[in-house]
Amino acid sequence: MQGNILLPFPDFHQAFLLARFEDRPRARSWLAGLLPWLTTTDRLPAVSRVCHAVSFTESGLRGLAPKWARGLMRSTAWREGPAHRAGKLADRGRGDPARWLFGGPQQAPADALLTIAALDGGIVEEHVQRHLAHAPEHGVEIVHVQRGAKLGGRLAGCEHFGFRDGISQPAIRGFQACPDGGAAAWSELGEFVLGYPRYGGLAPWPCPEWARNGTFQVFKRLDQDVPGWR
């Protein structure tokens, strides 16, 4: 299982590269080159330098492996994408898809998302520049790069509104110890990882066998209006 699902990547410095496959056969060689870099959950605790993960959009998976993509078509949100569902998500006004930096109707479509994370921002940037330089050689266009880092100073460990962040994550049954010893903080693995029973003993979400141990990822850029909220 890829890291950043059950165990989080280092969040001091991260970069997110949205890629478009201009030449799909050649793009496979770019993806093959990523395999040695992908950080799995079992390796994550020991990784100290840099972590990588890759995800596919519907168009990306359909272009590379149509048969595999068909197995996930019952997932409406994944199939339609966020721009198509903007009305349901209240993305209007300043949040209208026409104003988005990626994923909107005026932007080049993204087929894959590459996540790079490390404790050192220089290491993250080193890998970003490597992909920007070499991806075109494999028929891959990096259509957007989003960089991020933890806040410092008096807001260290907090989100932009000033509240302590990352303290309400539930424990995953069978993977972590429950923080307070009670049942209320448990989360069933199948609630967000495909192929496992869900809360209350419900059957796993329907998915093809190849998708077992995978999950759906939401990548959304938010503008937090701190003065307005206060």
C-alpha atoms as a PDB file:
ATOM      1  CA  MET A   1       0.000   0.000   0.000  1.00  0.00           C
ATOM      2  CA  GLN A   2       1.325   3.427  -0.873  1.00  0.00           C
ATOM      3  CA  GLY A   3       2.304   5.677   1.987  1.00  0.00           C
ATOM      4  CA  ASN A   4       0.283   8.755   2.945  1.00  0.00           C
ATOM      5  CA  ILE A   5      -2.842   6.600   3.374  1.00  0.00           C
ATOM      6  CA  LEU A   6      -2.421   4.862   6.733  1.00  0.00           C
ATOM      7  CA  LEU A   7       0.696   6.807   7.726  1.00  0.00           C
ATOM      8  CA  PRO A   8       1.184  10.435   6.658  1.00  0.00           C
ATOM      9  CA  PHE A   9       4.119  11.758   4.698  1.00  0.00           C
ATOM     10  CA  PRO A  10       6.335  14.393   6.344  1.00  0.00           C
ATOM     11  CA  ASP A  11       4.378  17.622   6.072  1.00  0.00           C
ATOM     12  CA  PHE A  12       7.149  20.148   6.693  1.00  0.00           C
ATOM     13  CA  HIS A  13       7.654  20.545   2.934  1.00  0.00           C
ATOM     14  CA  GLN A  14       5.626  19.048   0.097  1.00  0.00           C
ATOM     15  CA  ALA A  15       5.133  19.567  -3.621  1.00  0.00           C
ATOM     16  CA  PHE A  16       2.347  18.331  -5.867  1.00  0.00           C
ATOM     17  CA  LEU A  17       2.988  17.904  -9.582  1.00  0.00           C
ATOM     18  CA  LEU A  18       0.017  17.570 -11.911  1.00  0.00           C
ATOM     19  CA  ALA A  19       1.048  15.720 -15.052  1.00  0.00           C
ATOM     20  CA  ARG A  20      -0.558  15.287 -18.459  1.00  0.00           C
ATOM     21  CA  PHE A  21       0.322  12.346 -20.705  1.00  0.00           C
ATOM     22  CA  GLU A  22       0.990  13.847 -24.141  1.00  0.00           C
ATOM     23  CA  ASP A  23       2.388  10.547 -25.413  1.00  0.00           C
ATOM     24  CA  ARG A  24       0.839   7.687 -23.436  1.00  0.00           C
ATOM     25  CA  PRO A  25       3.174   4.889 -24.571  1.00  0.00           C
ATOM     26  CA  ARG A  26       6.193   6.999 -23.629  1.00  0.00           C
ATOM     27  CA  ALA A  27       4.518   8.135 -20.401  1.00  0.00           C
ATOM     28  CA  ARG A  28       4.642   4.541 -19.232  1.00  0.00           C
ATOM     29  CA  SER A  29       8.432   4.786 -19.147  1.00  0.00           C
ATOM     30  CA  TRP A  30       8.141   7.873 -16.905  1.00  0.00           C
ATOM     31  CA  LEU A  31       5.852   5.960 -14.569  1.00  0.00           C
ATOM     32  CA  ALA A  32       8.186   2.965 -14.575  1.00  0.00           C
ATOM     33  CA  GLY A  33      10.985   5.281 -13.500  1.00  0.00           C
ATOM     34  CA  LEU A  34       8.870   6.374 -10.523  1.00  0.00           C
ATOM     35  CA  LEU A  35       8.463   2.856  -9.144  1.00  0.00           C
ATOM     36  CA  PRO A  36      11.759   2.742  -7.210  1.00  0.00           C
ATOM     37  CA  TRP A  37      10.860   6.067  -5.591  1.00  0.00           C
ATOM     38  CA  LEU A  38       7.326   5.221  -4.429  1.00  0.00           C
ATOM     39  CA  THR A  39       7.094   5.075  -0.656  1.00  0.00           C
ATOM     40  CA  THR A  40       5.036   2.187   0.695  1.00  0.00           C
ATOM     41  CA  THR A  41       3.427   2.140   4.135  1.00  0.00           C
ATOM     42  CA  ASP A  42       5.828  -0.466   5.488  1.00  0.00           C
ATOM     43  CA  ARG A  43       8.826   1.661   4.470  1.00  0.00           C
ATOM     44  CA  LEU A  44       7.453   4.990   5.660  1.00  0.00           C
ATOM     45  CA  PRO A  45       8.624   4.909   9.298  1.00  0.00           C
ATOM     46  CA  ALA A  46      12.200   4.335   8.157  1.00  0.00           C
ATOM     47  CA  VAL A  47      12.199   6.940   5.373  1.00  0.00           C
ATOM     48  CA  SER A  48      14.069  10.051   6.428  1.00  0.00           C
ATOM     49  CA  ARG A  49      15.002  11.703   3.142  1.00  0.00           C
ATOM     50  CA  VAL A  50      12.106  11.969   0.688  1.00  0.00           C
ATOM     51  CA  CYS A  51       8.728  10.318   0.023  1.00  0.00           C
ATOM     52  CA  HIS A  52       6.838   9.888  -3.259  1.00  0.00           C
ATOM     53  CA  ALA A  53       3.295   8.822  -4.147  1.00  0.00           C
ATOM     54  CA  VAL A  54       1.398   8.812  -7.435  1.00  0.00           C
ATOM     55  CA  SER A  55      -2.341   8.902  -8.173  1.00  0.00           C
ATOM     56  CA  PHE A  56      -4.336   8.782 -11.406  1.00  0.00           C
ATOM     57  CA  THR A  57      -7.330  10.764 -12.560  1.00  0.00           C
ATOM     58  CA  GLU A  58     -10.066   9.083 -14.548  1.00  0.00           C
ATOM     59  CA  SER A  59      -8.636  10.348 -17.842  1.00  0.00           C
ATOM     60  CA  GLY A  60      -5.149   9.201 -16.924  1.00  0.00           C
ATOM     61  CA  LEU A  61      -6.134   5.674 -15.960  1.00  0.00           C
ATOM     62  CA  ARG A  62      -8.531   5.353 -18.893  1.00  0.00           C
ATOM     63  CA  GLY A  63      -5.772   6.406 -21.296  1.00  0.00           C
ATOM     64  CA  LEU A  64      -3.227   3.975 -19.886  1.00  0.00           C
ATOM     65  CA  ALA A  65      -5.418   0.987 -19.010  1.00  0.00           C
ATOM     66  CA  PRO A  66      -9.054   1.260 -20.203  1.00  0.00           C
ATOM     67  CA  LYS A  67      -9.984  -2.150 -18.804  1.00  0.00           C
ATOM     68  CA  TRP A  68      -8.743  -1.192 -15.347  1.00  0.00           C
ATOM     69  CA  ALA A  69     -10.527   2.147 -15.493  1.00  0.00           C
ATOM     70  CA  ARG A  70     -13.870   0.503 -16.316  1.00  0.00           C
ATOM     71  CA  GLY A  71     -13.737  -1.317 -12.998  1.00  0.00           C
ATOM     72  CA  LEU A  72     -13.993   1.998 -11.148  1.00  0.00           C
ATOM     73  CA  MET A  73     -16.668   3.659 -13.288  1.00  0.00           C
ATOM     74  CA  ARG A  74     -19.339   3.139 -10.630  1.00  0.00           C
ATOM     75  CA  SER A  75     -17.534   5.789  -8.578  1.00  0.00           C
ATOM     76  CA  THR A  76     -19.424   8.827  -9.874  1.00  0.00           C
ATOM     77  CA  ALA A  77     -17.273  11.467  -8.200  1.00  0.00           C
ATOM     78  CA  TRP A  78     -14.055   9.995  -9.606  1.00  0.00           C
ATOM     79  CA  ARG A  79     -15.566   9.571 -13.060  1.00  0.00           C
ATOM     80  CA  GLU A  80     -17.033  13.074 -13.316  1.00  0.00           C
ATOM     81  CA  GLY A  81     -14.272  15.063 -11.629  1.00  0.00           C
ATOM     82  CA  PRO A  82     -14.561  18.142  -9.403  1.00  0.00           C
ATOM     83  CA  ALA A  83     -15.258  20.749 -12.092  1.00  0.00           C
ATOM     84  CA  HIS A  84     -18.333  18.859 -13.298  1.00  0.00           C
ATOM     85  CA  ARG A  85     -19.559  18.602  -9.708  1.00  0.00           C
ATOM     86  CA  ALA A  86     -18.863  22.233  -8.807  1.00  0.00           C
ATOM     87  CA  GLY A  87     -22.541  22.955  -8.160  1.00  0.00           C
ATOM     88  CA  LYS A  88     -22.815  20.108  -5.656  1.00  0.00           C
ATOM     89  CA  LEU A  89     -19.653  21.273  -3.898  1.00  0.00           C
ATOM     90  CA  ALA A  90     -20.734  24.950  -3.701  1.00  0.00           C
ATOM     91  CA  ASP A  91     -17.773  26.009  -5.847  1.00  0.00           C
ATOM     92  CA  ARG A  92     -19.115  29.341  -7.084  1.00  0.00           C
ATOM     93  CA  GLY A  93     -18.137  32.998  -6.961  1.00  0.00           C
ATOM     94  CA  ARG A  94     -14.446  33.175  -6.088  1.00  0.00           C
ATOM     95  CA  GLY A  95     -14.410  29.376  -6.084  1.00  0.00           C
ATOM     96  CA  ASP A  96     -15.894  28.939  -9.573  1.00  0.00           C
ATOM     97  CA  PRO A  97     -13.944  26.390 -11.681  1.00  0.00           C
ATOM     98  CA  ALA A  98     -13.197  29.134 -14.227  1.00  0.00           C
ATOM     99  CA  ARG A  99     -10.911  30.705 -11.593  1.00  0.00           C
ATOM    100  CA  TRP A 100      -9.085  27.503 -10.654  1.00  0.00           C
ATOM    101  CA  LEU A 101      -5.347  27.145 -11.222  1.00  0.00           C
ATOM    102  CA  PHE A 102      -5.798  23.511 -12.271  1.00  0.00           C
ATOM    103  CA  GLY A 103      -8.678  21.157 -13.015  1.00  0.00           C
ATOM    104  CA  GLY A 104     -10.917  23.888 -14.412  1.00  0.00           C
ATOM    105  CA  PRO A 105     -12.449  24.150 -17.891  1.00  0.00           C
ATOM    106  CA  GLN A 106      -9.674  26.441 -19.174  1.00  0.00           C
ATOM    107  CA  GLN A 107      -6.754  24.364 -17.878  1.00  0.00           C
ATOM    108  CA  ALA A 108      -4.960  21.486 -19.534  1.00  0.00           C
ATOM    109  CA  PRO A 109      -6.336  18.217 -18.116  1.00  0.00           C
ATOM    110  CA  ALA A 110      -4.257  16.372 -15.554  1.00  0.00           C
ATOM    111  CA  ASP A 111      -3.789  12.606 -15.833  1.00  0.00           C
ATOM    112  CA  ALA A 112      -1.704  11.984 -12.718  1.00  0.00           C
ATOM    113  CA  LEU A 113      -0.703  13.605  -9.453  1.00  0.00           C
ATOM    114  CA  LEU A 114       2.805  13.109  -8.076  1.00  0.00           C
ATOM    115  CA  THR A 115       3.324  13.959  -4.406  1.00  0.00           C
ATOM    116  CA  ILE A 116       6.823  14.671  -3.068  1.00  0.00           C
ATOM    117  CA  ALA A 117       7.425  15.222   0.653  1.00  0.00           C
ATOM    118  CA  ALA A 118      10.413  15.673   2.955  1.00  0.00           C
ATOM    119  CA  LEU A 119      11.589  17.399   6.092  1.00  0.00           C
ATOM    120  CA  ASP A 120      13.967  19.497   4.001  1.00  0.00           C
ATOM    121  CA  GLY A 121      12.512  21.918   1.442  1.00  0.00           C
ATOM    122  CA  GLY A 122      15.705  21.840  -0.579  1.00  0.00           C
ATOM    123  CA  ILE A 123      15.360  18.099  -1.142  1.00  0.00           C
ATOM    124  CA  VAL A 124      11.748  18.512  -2.294  1.00  0.00           C
ATOM    125  CA  GLU A 125      12.765  21.252  -4.727  1.00  0.00           C
ATOM    126  CA  GLU A 126      15.616  19.122  -6.047  1.00  0.00           C
ATOM    127  CA  HIS A 127      13.143  16.396  -7.026  1.00  0.00           C
ATOM    128  CA  VAL A 128      10.659  18.906  -8.451  1.00  0.00           C
ATOM    129  CA  GLN A 129      13.329  20.309 -10.759  1.00  0.00           C
ATOM    130  CA  ARG A 130      14.383  16.814 -11.793  1.00  0.00           C
ATOM    131  CA  HIS A 131      10.862  15.993 -12.920  1.00  0.00           C
ATOM    132  CA  LEU A 132      10.388  19.333 -14.648  1.00  0.00           C
ATOM    133  CA  ALA A 133      13.556  18.647 -16.620  1.00  0.00           C
ATOM    134  CA  HIS A 134      13.023  14.990 -17.486  1.00  0.00           C
ATOM    135  CA  ALA A 135       9.245  14.508 -17.755  1.00  0.00           C
ATOM    136  CA  PRO A 136       9.059  16.080 -21.271  1.00  0.00           C
ATOM    137  CA  GLU A 137      11.585  13.504 -22.475  1.00  0.00           C
ATOM    138  CA  HIS A 138       8.925  10.860 -21.740  1.00  0.00           C
ATOM    139  CA  GLY A 139       5.976  12.643 -23.341  1.00  0.00           C
ATOM    140  CA  VAL A 140       4.757  14.025 -20.005  1.00  0.00           C
ATOM    141  CA  GLU A 141       3.853  17.678 -19.444  1.00  0.00           C
ATOM    142  CA  ILE A 142       3.844  19.036 -15.882  1.00  0.00           C
ATOM    143  CA  VAL A 143       0.818  21.339 -16.088  1.00  0.00           C
ATOM    144  CA  HIS A 144       0.972  22.697 -12.535  1.00  0.00           C
ATOM    145  CA  VAL A 145       3.235  22.591  -9.491  1.00  0.00           C
ATOM    146  CA  GLN A 146       1.808  23.379  -6.056  1.00  0.00           C
ATOM    147  CA  ARG A 147       4.360  23.817  -3.281  1.00  0.00           C
ATOM    148  CA  GLY A 148       3.502  23.827   0.385  1.00  0.00           C
ATOM    149  CA  ALA A 149       5.169  24.024   3.791  1.00  0.00           C
ATOM    150  CA  LYS A 150       4.248  24.085   7.452  1.00  0.00           C
ATOM    151  CA  LEU A 151       3.732  27.445   9.066  1.00  0.00           C
ATOM    152  CA  GLY A 152       6.475  28.709  11.332  1.00  0.00           C
ATOM    153  CA  GLY A 153       6.829  31.192  14.138  1.00  0.00           C
ATOM    154  CA  ARG A 154       3.906  31.524  16.524  1.00  0.00           C
ATOM    155  CA  LEU A 155       1.742  29.442  14.175  1.00  0.00           C
ATOM    156  CA  ALA A 156       4.074  26.441  14.160  1.00  0.00           C
ATOM    157  CA  GLY A 157       1.976  23.290  14.431  1.00  0.00           C
ATOM    158  CA  CYS A 158      -1.228  25.204  13.657  1.00  0.00           C
ATOM    159  CA  GLU A 159      -3.341  25.812  10.586  1.00  0.00           C
ATOM    160  CA  HIS A 160      -3.975  29.306   9.224  1.00  0.00           C
ATOM    161  CA  PHE A 161      -6.844  30.090  11.592  1.00  0.00           C
ATOM    162  CA  GLY A 162      -4.518  29.516  14.537  1.00  0.00           C
ATOM    163  CA  PHE A 163      -5.825  26.157  15.746  1.00  0.00           C
ATOM    164  CA  ARG A 164      -3.622  23.161  16.508  1.00  0.00           C
ATOM    165  CA  ASP A 165      -3.752  20.811  13.525  1.00  0.00           C
ATOM    166  CA  GLY A 166      -3.646  17.026  13.157  1.00  0.00           C
ATOM    167  CA  ILE A 167      -4.943  16.048  16.606  1.00  0.00           C
ATOM    168  CA  SER A 168      -8.265  14.440  15.678  1.00  0.00           C
ATOM    169  CA  GLN A 169      -7.180  11.517  13.523  1.00  0.00           C
ATOM    170  CA  PRO A 170      -8.983   8.297  14.509  1.00  0.00           C
ATOM    171  CA  ALA A 171      -7.048   5.098  15.114  1.00  0.00           C
ATOM    172  CA  ILE A 172      -7.418   2.431  12.440  1.00  0.00           C
ATOM    173  CA  ARG A 173      -8.625  -0.904  13.750  1.00  0.00           C
ATOM    174  CA  GLY A 174      -5.996  -3.598  13.369  1.00  0.00           C
ATOM    175  CA  PHE A 175      -3.284  -1.097  12.497  1.00  0.00           C
ATOM    176  CA  GLN A 176      -2.949   1.300  15.431  1.00  0.00           C
ATOM    177  CA  ALA A 177      -3.739   1.318  19.120  1.00  0.00           C
ATOM    178  CA  CYS A 178      -6.808   3.337  20.085  1.00  0.00           C
ATOM    179  CA  PRO A 179      -5.591   6.556  21.788  1.00  0.00           C
ATOM    180  CA  ASP A 180      -8.029   6.500  24.707  1.00  0.00           C
ATOM    181  CA  GLY A 181      -8.803   2.792  24.807  1.00  0.00           C
ATOM    182  CA  GLY A 182     -12.411   3.387  23.793  1.00  0.00           C
ATOM    183  CA  ALA A 183     -14.330   2.319  20.708  1.00  0.00           C
ATOM    184  CA  ALA A 184     -15.422   5.821  19.685  1.00  0.00           C
ATOM    185  CA  ALA A 185     -12.063   6.725  18.154  1.00  0.00           C
ATOM    186  CA  TRP A 186     -11.831   3.627  15.946  1.00  0.00           C
ATOM    187  CA  SER A 187     -12.095   3.833  12.180  1.00  0.00           C
ATOM    188  CA  GLU A 188     -12.539   0.711  10.069  1.00  0.00           C
ATOM    189  CA  LEU A 189      -9.932   0.275   7.364  1.00  0.00           C
ATOM    190  CA  GLY A 190     -12.623  -0.312   4.737  1.00  0.00           C
ATOM    191  CA  GLU A 191     -14.071   3.168   5.249  1.00  0.00           C
ATOM    192  CA  PHE A 192     -11.299   4.629   3.102  1.00  0.00           C
ATOM    193  CA  VAL A 193      -9.195   1.731   1.779  1.00  0.00           C
ATOM    194  CA  LEU A 194     -10.709  -0.428  -0.941  1.00  0.00           C
ATOM    195  CA  GLY A 195     -11.165  -4.146  -0.401  1.00  0.00           C
ATOM    196  CA  TYR A 196     -11.854  -4.247   3.368  1.00  0.00           C
ATOM    197  CA  PRO A 197     -15.063  -4.459   5.483  1.00  0.00           C
ATOM    198  CA  ARG A 198     -16.580  -1.161   6.521  1.00  0.00           C
ATOM    199  CA  TYR A 199     -17.991   0.075   9.800  1.00  0.00           C
ATOM    200  CA  GLY A 200     -20.686  -2.166  11.265  1.00  0.00           C
ATOM    201  CA  GLY A 201     -19.503  -5.171   9.278  1.00  0.00           C
ATOM    202  CA  LEU A 202     -20.731  -3.798   5.950  1.00  0.00           C
ATOM    203  CA  ALA A 203     -19.244  -5.399   2.854  1.00  0.00           C
ATOM    204  CA  PRO A 204     -16.283  -3.671   1.188  1.00  0.00           C
ATOM    205  CA  TRP A 205     -16.986  -1.000  -1.408  1.00  0.00           C
ATOM    206  CA  PRO A 206     -17.255  -2.750  -4.803  1.00  0.00           C
ATOM    207  CA  CYS A 207     -13.968  -2.496  -6.675  1.00  0.00           C
ATOM    208  CA  PRO A 208     -11.824  -4.579  -9.036  1.00  0.00           C
ATOM    209  CA  GLU A 209      -9.228  -6.804  -7.404  1.00  0.00           C
ATOM    210  CA  TRP A 210      -6.342  -4.695  -8.714  1.00  0.00           C
ATOM    211  CA  ALA A 211      -7.637  -1.691  -6.731  1.00  0.00           C
ATOM    212  CA  ARG A 212      -7.502  -3.526  -3.380  1.00  0.00           C
ATOM    213  CA  ASN A 213      -5.264  -1.628  -0.914  1.00  0.00           C
ATOM    214  CA  GLY A 214      -5.859   1.555  -2.909  1.00  0.00           C
ATOM    215  CA  THR A 215      -7.975   4.577  -2.087  1.00  0.00           C
ATOM    216  CA  PHE A 216      -9.480   7.688  -3.644  1.00  0.00           C
ATOM    217  CA  GLN A 217      -7.617  10.950  -3.179  1.00  0.00           C
ATOM    218  CA  VAL A 218      -9.007  14.474  -3.234  1.00  0.00           C
ATOM    219  CA  PHE A 219      -6.595  17.218  -4.240  1.00  0.00           C
ATOM    220  CA  LYS A 220      -8.150  20.641  -3.846  1.00  0.00           C
ATOM    221  CA  ARG A 221      -6.604  24.073  -3.433  1.00  0.00           C
ATOM    222  CA  LEU A 222      -8.398  26.164  -0.798  1.00  0.00           C
ATOM    223  CA  ASP A 223      -8.154  29.865  -0.033  1.00  0.00           C
ATOM    224  CA  GLN A 224      -8.560  30.435   3.697  1.00  0.00           C
ATOM    225  CA  ASP A 225      -9.955  33.916   4.413  1.00  0.00           C
ATOM    226  CA  VAL A 226      -8.617  34.418   7.937  1.00  0.00           C
ATOM    227  CA  PRO A 227      -9.689  38.066   8.419  1.00  0.00           C
ATOM    228  CA  GLY A 228     -13.112  37.303   6.963  1.00  0.00           C
ATOM    229  CA  TRP A 229     -13.615  34.318   9.249  1.00  0.00           C
ATOM    230  CA  ARG A 230     -12.593  36.318  12.324  1.00  0.00           C
END
